[in-house]
Structures are given as C-alpha cells and as structure tokens.
C-alpha atoms as a PDB file:
ATOM      1  CA  UNK A   1      -0.046   0.064  -0.043  1.00  0.00           C
ATOM      2  CA  UNK A   2       1.167   3.567  -0.686  1.00  0.00           C
ATOM      3  CA  UNK A   3       2.526   5.740   2.261  1.00  0.00           C
ATOM      4  CA  UNK A   4       0.749   8.923   2.972  1.00  0.00           C
ATOM      5  CA  UNK A   5       2.658  11.855   1.176  1.00  0.00           C
ATOM      6  CA  UNK A   6       3.689   9.666  -1.733  1.00  0.00           C
ATOM      7  CA  UNK A   7       1.912  10.419  -5.254  1.00  0.00           C
ATOM      8  CA  UNK A   8       0.332   7.295  -5.286  1.00  0.00           C
ATOM      9  CA  UNK A   9      -1.577   7.857  -1.912  1.00  0.00           C
ATOM     10  CA  UNK A  10      -2.464  11.469  -3.113  1.00  0.00           C
ATOM     11  CA  UNK A  11      -3.871  10.119  -6.084  1.00  0.00           C
ATOM     12  CA  UNK A  12      -5.776   7.700  -4.446  1.00  0.00           C
ATOM     13  CA  UNK A  13      -7.129  10.179  -1.989  1.00  0.00           C
ATOM     14  CA  UNK A  14      -8.158  12.488  -4.787  1.00  0.00           C
ATOM     15  CA  UNK A  15     -10.106   9.756  -6.475  1.00  0.00           C
ATOM     16  CA  UNK A  16     -12.017   8.664  -3.283  1.00  0.00           C
ATOM     17  CA  UNK A  17     -12.570  12.428  -2.217  1.00  0.00           C
ATOM     18  CA  UNK A  18     -14.178  12.959  -5.716  1.00  0.00           C
ATOM     19  CA  UNK A  19     -16.415   9.692  -5.408  1.00  0.00           C
ATOM     20  CA  UNK A  20     -17.515  10.928  -2.022  1.00  0.00           C
ATOM     21  CA  UNK A  21     -18.457  14.266  -3.374  1.00  0.00           C
ATOM     22  CA  UNK A  22     -20.275  12.667  -6.574  1.00  0.00           C
ATOM     23  CA  UNK A  23     -22.161  10.205  -4.418  1.00  0.00           C
ATOM     24  CA  UNK A  24     -23.511  13.413  -2.193  1.00  0.00           C
ATOM     25  CA  UNK A  25     -22.020  11.838   0.954  1.00  0.00           C
ATOM     26  CA  UNK A  26     -20.007  14.593   2.102  1.00  0.00           C
ATOM     27  CA  UNK A  27     -19.063  18.514   1.062  1.00  0.00           C
ATOM     28  CA  UNK A  28     -15.958  19.479  -0.264  1.00  0.00           C
ATOM     29  CA  UNK A  29     -13.909  20.047   2.965  1.00  0.00           C
ATOM     30  CA  UNK A  30     -15.550  17.080   4.821  1.00  0.00           C
ATOM     31  CA  UNK A  31     -15.012  14.711   1.675  1.00  0.00           C
ATOM     32  CA  UNK A  32     -11.195  15.124   2.199  1.00  0.00           C
ATOM     33  CA  UNK A  33     -11.347  14.247   5.652  1.00  0.00           C
ATOM     34  CA  UNK A  34     -13.658  11.100   4.944  1.00  0.00           C
ATOM     35  CA  UNK A  35     -11.232  10.036   2.207  1.00  0.00           C
ATOM     36  CA  UNK A  36      -8.259  10.279   4.491  1.00  0.00           C
ATOM     37  CA  UNK A  37     -10.261   8.029   6.955  1.00  0.00           C
ATOM     38  CA  UNK A  38     -11.116   5.565   4.392  1.00  0.00           C
ATOM     39  CA  UNK A  39      -7.576   5.147   3.111  1.00  0.00           C
ATOM     40  CA  UNK A  40      -6.565   4.773   6.728  1.00  0.00           C
ATOM     41  CA  UNK A  41      -9.064   2.046   7.414  1.00  0.00           C
ATOM     42  CA  UNK A  42      -7.786   0.237   4.134  1.00  0.00           C
ATOM     43  CA  UNK A  43      -4.443  -0.012   5.571  1.00  0.00           C
ATOM     44  CA  UNK A  44      -2.707   2.596   3.830  1.00  0.00           C
ATOM     45  CA  UNK A  45      -0.209   3.267   6.772  1.00  0.00           C
ATOM     46  CA  UNK A  46       3.197   4.435   6.882  1.00  0.00           C
ATOM     47  CA  UNK A  47       5.583   1.545   6.296  1.00  0.00           C
ATOM     48  CA  UNK A  48       7.640   0.307   9.264  1.00  0.00           C
ATOM     49  CA  UNK A  49      11.181   0.587   9.086  1.00  0.00           C
ATOM     50  CA  UNK A  50      13.238  -2.627   8.033  1.00  0.00           C
ATOM     51  CA  UNK A  51      16.995  -3.742   8.553  1.00  0.00           C
ATOM     52  CA  UNK A  52      17.822  -2.152   5.268  1.00  0.00           C
ATOM     53  CA  UNK A  53      17.153   1.356   6.568  1.00  0.00           C
ATOM     54  CA  UNK A  54      19.763   0.819   9.438  1.00  0.00           C
ATOM     55  CA  UNK A  55      22.419   1.178   6.964  1.00  0.00           C
ATOM     56  CA  UNK A  56      25.589  -1.125   6.334  1.00  0.00           C
ATOM     57  CA  UNK A  57      26.492  -3.538   8.839  1.00  0.00           C
ATOM     58  CA  UNK A  58      29.636  -1.667   9.860  1.00  0.00           C
ATOM     59  CA  UNK A  59      27.801   1.511  10.949  1.00  0.00           C
ATOM     60  CA  UNK A  60      25.396  -0.176  13.109  1.00  0.00           C
END
C-alpha cells in the first residue's frame, strides 16, 4: 500500500474524495477528511522501518 505523502497515496485520496463528492456523501472539505479516514481503514499506513534502513553492517 502507498504511504501517506507519496504520489500514489495522493492520487488515491483524490479519487476517493471525488467519489464521495459525486455520491453526495460529504461536502468538499468533509470529503477530504472522509477520504483520509477511508484510506487509513484500508491499511494505507506508513511502512515500518526495516533492517535495510539501518545502513551497512559496519555502521550499526
């Protein structure tokens, strides 16, 4: 899943926001908040750090 702040996340949030606006579920500002909530519920959260992010073994 894309991480918040990435281009793919922003694109998905915009599509979700537009869908909510077109369905009449929420106003413009409320649709943005609901889109963020929906993406959070779907599991679009920041990725956890991995061992690879720690750098070369000599620097640990």
